[in-house]
């Protein structure tokens, strides 16, 4: 998925649970920061978290 984001194939990540996006908290934060650098928002449905806010 990160490769597709880097290639411009993905413009937003939507997932049911934040736990599905990474194996641990540190990896999740790195993933979200990397997406934010590329202006790709992420939405985590179970906690109603949106990185565009």
PDB file of N, CA and C in Angstrom:
ATOM      1  N   UNK A   1       0.814  -1.176   0.000  1.00  0.00           N
ATOM      2  CA  UNK A   1       0.000   0.000   0.000  1.00  0.00           C
ATOM      3  C   UNK A   1       0.871   1.258   0.000  1.00  0.00           C
ATOM      4  N   UNK A   2       1.950   1.255   0.751  1.00  0.00           N
ATOM      5  CA  UNK A   2       2.859   2.405   0.770  1.00  0.00           C
ATOM      6  C   UNK A   2       3.443   2.634  -0.619  1.00  0.00           C
ATOM      7  N   UNK A   3       3.790   1.555  -1.303  1.00  0.00           N
ATOM      8  CA  UNK A   3       4.317   1.686  -2.667  1.00  0.00           C
ATOM      9  C   UNK A   3       3.289   2.333  -3.583  1.00  0.00           C
ATOM     10  N   UNK A   4       2.030   1.950  -3.445  1.00  0.00           N
ATOM     11  CA  UNK A   4       0.967   2.542  -4.260  1.00  0.00           C
ATOM     12  C   UNK A   4       0.765   4.016  -3.914  1.00  0.00           C
ATOM     13  N   UNK A   5       0.895   4.371  -2.644  1.00  0.00           N
ATOM     14  CA  UNK A   5       0.818   5.783  -2.247  1.00  0.00           C
ATOM     15  C   UNK A   5       1.960   6.569  -2.876  1.00  0.00           C
ATOM     16  N   UNK A   6       3.158   6.012  -2.822  1.00  0.00           N
ATOM     17  CA  UNK A   6       4.323   6.678  -3.416  1.00  0.00           C
ATOM     18  C   UNK A   6       4.182   6.829  -4.925  1.00  0.00           C
ATOM     19  N   UNK A   7       3.496   5.892  -5.560  1.00  0.00           N
ATOM     20  CA  UNK A   7       3.306   5.930  -7.012  1.00  0.00           C
ATOM     21  C   UNK A   7       2.129   6.804  -7.423  1.00  0.00           C
ATOM     22  N   UNK A   8       1.413   7.362  -6.437  1.00  0.00           N
ATOM     23  CA  UNK A   8       0.280   8.224  -6.744  1.00  0.00           C
ATOM     24  C   UNK A   8      -0.993   7.475  -7.099  1.00  0.00           C
ATOM     25  N   UNK A   9      -1.047   6.190  -6.788  1.00  0.00           N
ATOM     26  CA  UNK A   9      -2.216   5.377  -7.115  1.00  0.00           C
ATOM     27  C   UNK A   9      -3.313   5.470  -6.050  1.00  0.00           C
ATOM     28  N   UNK A  10      -2.961   5.955  -4.868  1.00  0.00           N
ATOM     29  CA  UNK A  10      -3.912   6.040  -3.762  1.00  0.00           C
ATOM     30  C   UNK A  10      -3.971   7.481  -3.289  1.00  0.00           C
ATOM     31  N   UNK A  11      -5.202   7.995  -3.102  1.00  0.00           N
ATOM     32  CA  UNK A  11      -5.315   9.377  -2.630  1.00  0.00           C
ATOM     33  C   UNK A  11      -5.951   9.479  -1.247  1.00  0.00           C
ATOM     34  N   UNK A  12      -6.409   8.343  -0.681  1.00  0.00           N
ATOM     35  CA  UNK A  12      -6.920   8.320   0.686  1.00  0.00           C
ATOM     36  C   UNK A  12      -6.945   6.886   1.188  1.00  0.00           C
ATOM     37  N   UNK A  13      -6.614   6.724   2.477  1.00  0.00           N
ATOM     38  CA  UNK A  13      -6.658   5.416   3.121  1.00  0.00           C
ATOM     39  C   UNK A  13      -7.877   5.390   4.037  1.00  0.00           C
ATOM     40  N   UNK A  14      -8.721   4.384   3.883  1.00  0.00           N
ATOM     41  CA  UNK A  14      -9.871   4.189   4.759  1.00  0.00           C
ATOM     42  C   UNK A  14      -9.778   2.765   5.299  1.00  0.00           C
ATOM     43  N   UNK A  15      -9.814   2.637   6.622  1.00  0.00           N
ATOM     44  CA  UNK A  15      -9.717   1.322   7.228  1.00  0.00           C
ATOM     45  C   UNK A  15     -10.697   1.192   8.390  1.00  0.00           C
ATOM     46  N   UNK A  16     -11.139   0.003   8.637  1.00  0.00           N
ATOM     47  CA  UNK A  16     -12.103  -0.270   9.716  1.00  0.00           C
ATOM     48  C   UNK A  16     -11.501   0.036  11.078  1.00  0.00           C
ATOM     49  N   UNK A  17     -10.263  -0.403  11.273  1.00  0.00           N
ATOM     50  CA  UNK A  17      -9.635  -0.290  12.584  1.00  0.00           C
ATOM     51  C   UNK A  17      -8.201   0.189  12.441  1.00  0.00           C
ATOM     52  N   UNK A  18      -7.765   1.010  13.361  1.00  0.00           N
ATOM     53  CA  UNK A  18      -6.386   1.494  13.339  1.00  0.00           C
ATOM     54  C   UNK A  18      -5.405   0.325  13.478  1.00  0.00           C
ATOM     55  N   UNK A  19      -5.817  -0.739  14.159  1.00  0.00           N
ATOM     56  CA  UNK A  19      -4.944  -1.901  14.335  1.00  0.00           C
ATOM     57  C   UNK A  19      -4.680  -2.630  13.020  1.00  0.00           C
ATOM     58  N   UNK A  20      -5.499  -2.399  11.996  1.00  0.00           N
ATOM     59  CA  UNK A  20      -5.308  -3.048  10.703  1.00  0.00           C
ATOM     60  C   UNK A  20      -4.263  -2.330   9.843  1.00  0.00           C
ATOM     61  N   UNK A  21      -3.855  -1.124  10.267  1.00  0.00           N
ATOM     62  CA  UNK A  21      -2.944  -0.343   9.438  1.00  0.00           C
ATOM     63  C   UNK A  21      -1.469  -0.587   9.746  1.00  0.00           C
ATOM     64  N   UNK A  22      -1.161  -1.140  10.908  1.00  0.00           N
ATOM     65  CA  UNK A  22       0.238  -1.376  11.273  1.00  0.00           C
ATOM     66  C   UNK A  22       0.321  -2.430  12.364  1.00  0.00           C
ATOM     67  N   UNK A  23       1.515  -2.956  12.565  1.00  0.00           N
ATOM     68  CA  UNK A  23       1.700  -4.022  13.546  1.00  0.00           C
ATOM     69  C   UNK A  23       1.847  -3.495  14.970  1.00  0.00           C
ATOM     70  N   UNK A  24       2.244  -2.230  15.116  1.00  0.00           N
ATOM     71  CA  UNK A  24       2.376  -1.642  16.445  1.00  0.00           C
ATOM     72  C   UNK A  24       2.202  -0.128  16.362  1.00  0.00           C
ATOM     73  N   UNK A  25       2.155   0.528  17.500  1.00  0.00           N
ATOM     74  CA  UNK A  25       1.891   1.966  17.557  1.00  0.00           C
ATOM     75  C   UNK A  25       2.964   2.774  16.834  1.00  0.00           C
ATOM     76  N   UNK A  26       4.213   2.429  17.035  1.00  0.00           N
ATOM     77  CA  UNK A  26       5.307   3.168  16.401  1.00  0.00           C
ATOM     78  C   UNK A  26       5.205   3.099  14.880  1.00  0.00           C
ATOM     79  N   UNK A  27       4.959   1.910  14.349  1.00  0.00           N
ATOM     80  CA  UNK A  27       4.809   1.762  12.902  1.00  0.00           C
ATOM     81  C   UNK A  27       3.601   2.534  12.387  1.00  0.00           C
ATOM     82  N   UNK A  28       2.536   2.540  13.161  1.00  0.00           N
ATOM     83  CA  UNK A  28       1.335   3.268  12.771  1.00  0.00           C
ATOM     84  C   UNK A  28       1.620   4.769  12.685  1.00  0.00           C
ATOM     85  N   UNK A  29       2.296   5.315  13.675  1.00  0.00           N
ATOM     86  CA  UNK A  29       2.640   6.733  13.651  1.00  0.00           C
ATOM     87  C   UNK A  29       3.549   7.075  12.476  1.00  0.00           C
ATOM     88  N   UNK A  30       4.510   6.233  12.205  1.00  0.00           N
ATOM     89  CA  UNK A  30       5.396   6.453  11.052  1.00  0.00           C
ATOM     90  C   UNK A  30       4.600   6.440   9.748  1.00  0.00           C
ATOM     91  N   UNK A  31       3.682   5.494   9.649  1.00  0.00           N
ATOM     92  CA  UNK A  31       2.844   5.350   8.475  1.00  0.00           C
ATOM     93  C   UNK A  31       1.993   6.608   8.274  1.00  0.00           C
ATOM     94  N   UNK A  32       1.357   7.075   9.341  1.00  0.00           N
ATOM     95  CA  UNK A  32       0.499   8.263   9.255  1.00  0.00           C
ATOM     96  C   UNK A  32       1.322   9.500   8.895  1.00  0.00           C
ATOM     97  N   UNK A  33       2.493   9.646   9.496  1.00  0.00           N
ATOM     98  CA  UNK A  33       3.358  10.794   9.173  1.00  0.00           C
ATOM     99  C   UNK A  33       3.803  10.762   7.716  1.00  0.00           C
ATOM    100  N   UNK A  34       4.145   9.589   7.230  1.00  0.00           N
ATOM    101  CA  UNK A  34       4.548   9.453   5.836  1.00  0.00           C
ATOM    102  C   UNK A  34       3.401   9.828   4.903  1.00  0.00           C
ATOM    103  N   UNK A  35       2.196   9.397   5.237  1.00  0.00           N
ATOM    104  CA  UNK A  35       1.025   9.747   4.436  1.00  0.00           C
ATOM    105  C   UNK A  35       0.775  11.254   4.465  1.00  0.00           C
ATOM    106  N   UNK A  36       0.900  11.865   5.636  1.00  0.00           N
ATOM    107  CA  UNK A  36       0.671  13.305   5.757  1.00  0.00           C
ATOM    108  C   UNK A  36       1.668  14.097   4.914  1.00  0.00           C
ATOM    109  N   UNK A  37       2.913  13.636   4.842  1.00  0.00           N
ATOM    110  CA  UNK A  37       3.930  14.292   4.005  1.00  0.00           C
ATOM    111  C   UNK A  37       3.534  14.273   2.533  1.00  0.00           C
ATOM    112  N   UNK A  38       2.788  13.249   2.142  1.00  0.00           N
ATOM    113  CA  UNK A  38       2.356  13.097   0.756  1.00  0.00           C
ATOM    114  C   UNK A  38       0.945  13.653   0.539  1.00  0.00           C
ATOM    115  N   UNK A  39       0.386  14.288   1.580  1.00  0.00           N
ATOM    116  CA  UNK A  39      -0.979  14.833   1.526  1.00  0.00           C
ATOM    117  C   UNK A  39      -2.027  13.764   1.232  1.00  0.00           C
ATOM    118  N   UNK A  40      -1.836  12.591   1.842  1.00  0.00           N
ATOM    119  CA  UNK A  40      -2.789  11.491   1.711  1.00  0.00           C
ATOM    120  C   UNK A  40      -3.455  11.299   3.066  1.00  0.00           C
ATOM    121  N   UNK A  41      -4.742  11.618   3.174  1.00  0.00           N
ATOM    122  CA  UNK A  41      -5.429  11.463   4.456  1.00  0.00           C
ATOM    123  C   UNK A  41      -5.738   9.998   4.759  1.00  0.00           C
ATOM    124  N   UNK A  42      -5.913   9.729   6.051  1.00  0.00           N
ATOM    125  CA  UNK A  42      -6.303   8.396   6.496  1.00  0.00           C
ATOM    126  C   UNK A  42      -7.517   8.544   7.404  1.00  0.00           C
ATOM    127  N   UNK A  43      -8.442   7.589   7.305  1.00  0.00           N
ATOM    128  CA  UNK A  43      -9.632   7.573   8.149  1.00  0.00           C
ATOM    129  C   UNK A  43      -9.727   6.207   8.798  1.00  0.00           C
ATOM    130  N   UNK A  44      -9.888   6.207  10.136  1.00  0.00           N
ATOM    131  CA  UNK A  44     -10.014   4.975  10.899  1.00  0.00           C
ATOM    132  C   UNK A  44     -11.428   4.924  11.468  1.00  0.00           C
ATOM    133  N   UNK A  45     -12.252   4.055  10.907  1.00  0.00           N
ATOM    134  CA  UNK A  45     -13.681   4.022  11.193  1.00  0.00           C
ATOM    135  C   UNK A  45     -14.011   3.736  12.663  1.00  0.00           C
ATOM    136  N   UNK A  46     -13.344   2.776  13.271  1.00  0.00           N
ATOM    137  CA  UNK A  46     -13.728   2.354  14.618  1.00  0.00           C
ATOM    138  C   UNK A  46     -13.539   3.435  15.675  1.00  0.00           C
ATOM    139  N   UNK A  47     -12.635   4.373  15.466  1.00  0.00           N
ATOM    140  CA  UNK A  47     -12.437   5.456  16.435  1.00  0.00           C
ATOM    141  C   UNK A  47     -12.798   6.819  15.839  1.00  0.00           C
ATOM    142  N   UNK A  48     -13.373   6.799  14.651  1.00  0.00           N
ATOM    143  CA  UNK A  48     -13.786   8.012  13.966  1.00  0.00           C
ATOM    144  C   UNK A  48     -12.659   9.038  13.894  1.00  0.00           C
ATOM    145  N   UNK A  49     -11.470   8.577  13.529  1.00  0.00           N
ATOM    146  CA  UNK A  49     -10.287   9.441  13.443  1.00  0.00           C
ATOM    147  C   UNK A  49      -9.996   9.738  11.974  1.00  0.00           C
ATOM    148  N   UNK A  50      -9.809  11.011  11.701  1.00  0.00           N
ATOM    149  CA  UNK A  50      -9.528  11.479  10.352  1.00  0.00           C
ATOM    150  C   UNK A  50      -8.295  12.364  10.415  1.00  0.00           C
ATOM    151  N   UNK A  51      -7.258  12.027   9.657  1.00  0.00           N
ATOM    152  CA  UNK A  51      -6.005  12.783   9.725  1.00  0.00           C
ATOM    153  C   UNK A  51      -6.061  14.106   8.985  1.00  0.00           C
ATOM    154  N   UNK A  52      -7.188  14.427   8.367  1.00  0.00           N
ATOM    155  CA  UNK A  52      -7.292  15.725   7.694  1.00  0.00           C
ATOM    156  C   UNK A  52      -7.696  16.821   8.675  1.00  0.00           C
ATOM    157  N   UNK A  53      -8.104  16.474   9.856  1.00  0.00           N
ATOM    158  CA  UNK A  53      -8.531  17.470  10.845  1.00  0.00           C
ATOM    159  C   UNK A  53      -7.380  17.957  11.662  1.00  0.00           C
TER     160      UNK A  53
END
